[in-house]
């Protein structure tokens, strides 16, 4: 059985909200989705290292 890890800290949604707030302007859903997928991709790469 694989152990499940619990990690505390910043989530991808937190990072997305920070990005959105820092831009200071509304974004369309495609741009939000693209940015979210990029954040998730980076998070997976960080976890695999």
C-alpha atoms as a PDB file:
ATOM      1  CA  UNK A   1       0.000   0.000   0.000  1.00  0.00           C
ATOM      2  CA  UNK A   2       1.364   3.410  -0.955  1.00  0.00           C
ATOM      3  CA  UNK A   3       1.621   5.979   1.806  1.00  0.00           C
ATOM      4  CA  UNK A   4      -0.200   9.238   1.188  1.00  0.00           C
ATOM      5  CA  UNK A   5       1.727  12.366   2.048  1.00  0.00           C
ATOM      6  CA  UNK A   6       0.082  15.365   3.600  1.00  0.00           C
ATOM      7  CA  UNK A   7       1.800  18.626   2.950  1.00  0.00           C
ATOM      8  CA  UNK A   8       0.984  22.001   4.354  1.00  0.00           C
ATOM      9  CA  UNK A   9       1.659  25.240   2.610  1.00  0.00           C
ATOM     10  CA  UNK A  10       0.821  27.002  -0.572  1.00  0.00           C
ATOM     11  CA  UNK A  11      -1.451  25.242  -3.050  1.00  0.00           C
ATOM     12  CA  UNK A  12      -1.760  25.797  -6.785  1.00  0.00           C
ATOM     13  CA  UNK A  13      -4.991  27.713  -6.172  1.00  0.00           C
ATOM     14  CA  UNK A  14      -3.126  29.995  -3.732  1.00  0.00           C
ATOM     15  CA  UNK A  15      -0.489  30.638  -6.385  1.00  0.00           C
ATOM     16  CA  UNK A  16      -3.156  31.300  -9.007  1.00  0.00           C
ATOM     17  CA  UNK A  17      -4.891  33.807  -6.742  1.00  0.00           C
ATOM     18  CA  UNK A  18      -1.570  35.559  -6.081  1.00  0.00           C
ATOM     19  CA  UNK A  19      -0.929  35.767  -9.818  1.00  0.00           C
ATOM     20  CA  UNK A  20      -4.410  37.119 -10.449  1.00  0.00           C
ATOM     21  CA  UNK A  21      -4.139  39.730  -7.681  1.00  0.00           C
ATOM     22  CA  UNK A  22      -0.690  40.835  -8.851  1.00  0.00           C
ATOM     23  CA  UNK A  23      -1.941  41.405 -12.393  1.00  0.00           C
ATOM     24  CA  UNK A  24      -4.472  43.946 -11.112  1.00  0.00           C
ATOM     25  CA  UNK A  25      -6.871  43.342 -13.981  1.00  0.00           C
ATOM     26  CA  UNK A  26      -9.565  40.834 -14.918  1.00  0.00           C
ATOM     27  CA  UNK A  27      -8.540  37.769 -16.918  1.00  0.00           C
ATOM     28  CA  UNK A  28     -10.608  35.568 -19.175  1.00  0.00           C
ATOM     29  CA  UNK A  29     -11.208  31.936 -18.242  1.00  0.00           C
ATOM     30  CA  UNK A  30      -8.814  30.605 -20.895  1.00  0.00           C
ATOM     31  CA  UNK A  31      -5.944  32.656 -19.532  1.00  0.00           C
ATOM     32  CA  UNK A  32      -6.781  31.594 -15.955  1.00  0.00           C
ATOM     33  CA  UNK A  33      -6.872  27.945 -16.987  1.00  0.00           C
ATOM     34  CA  UNK A  34      -3.601  28.233 -18.901  1.00  0.00           C
ATOM     35  CA  UNK A  35      -1.890  29.845 -15.908  1.00  0.00           C
ATOM     36  CA  UNK A  36      -3.334  27.250 -13.506  1.00  0.00           C
ATOM     37  CA  UNK A  37      -2.064  24.392 -15.654  1.00  0.00           C
ATOM     38  CA  UNK A  38       1.379  26.010 -15.802  1.00  0.00           C
ATOM     39  CA  UNK A  39       1.419  26.353 -12.000  1.00  0.00           C
ATOM     40  CA  UNK A  40       0.347  22.704 -11.600  1.00  0.00           C
ATOM     41  CA  UNK A  41       3.017  21.579 -14.035  1.00  0.00           C
ATOM     42  CA  UNK A  42       5.713  23.442 -12.100  1.00  0.00           C
ATOM     43  CA  UNK A  43       4.432  21.978  -8.813  1.00  0.00           C
ATOM     44  CA  UNK A  44       4.655  18.442 -10.204  1.00  0.00           C
ATOM     45  CA  UNK A  45       8.183  19.082 -11.421  1.00  0.00           C
ATOM     46  CA  UNK A  46       9.178  20.431  -7.981  1.00  0.00           C
ATOM     47  CA  UNK A  47       7.682  17.376  -6.252  1.00  0.00           C
ATOM     48  CA  UNK A  48       9.472  14.935  -8.527  1.00  0.00           C
ATOM     49  CA  UNK A  49      12.900  16.390  -7.761  1.00  0.00           C
END
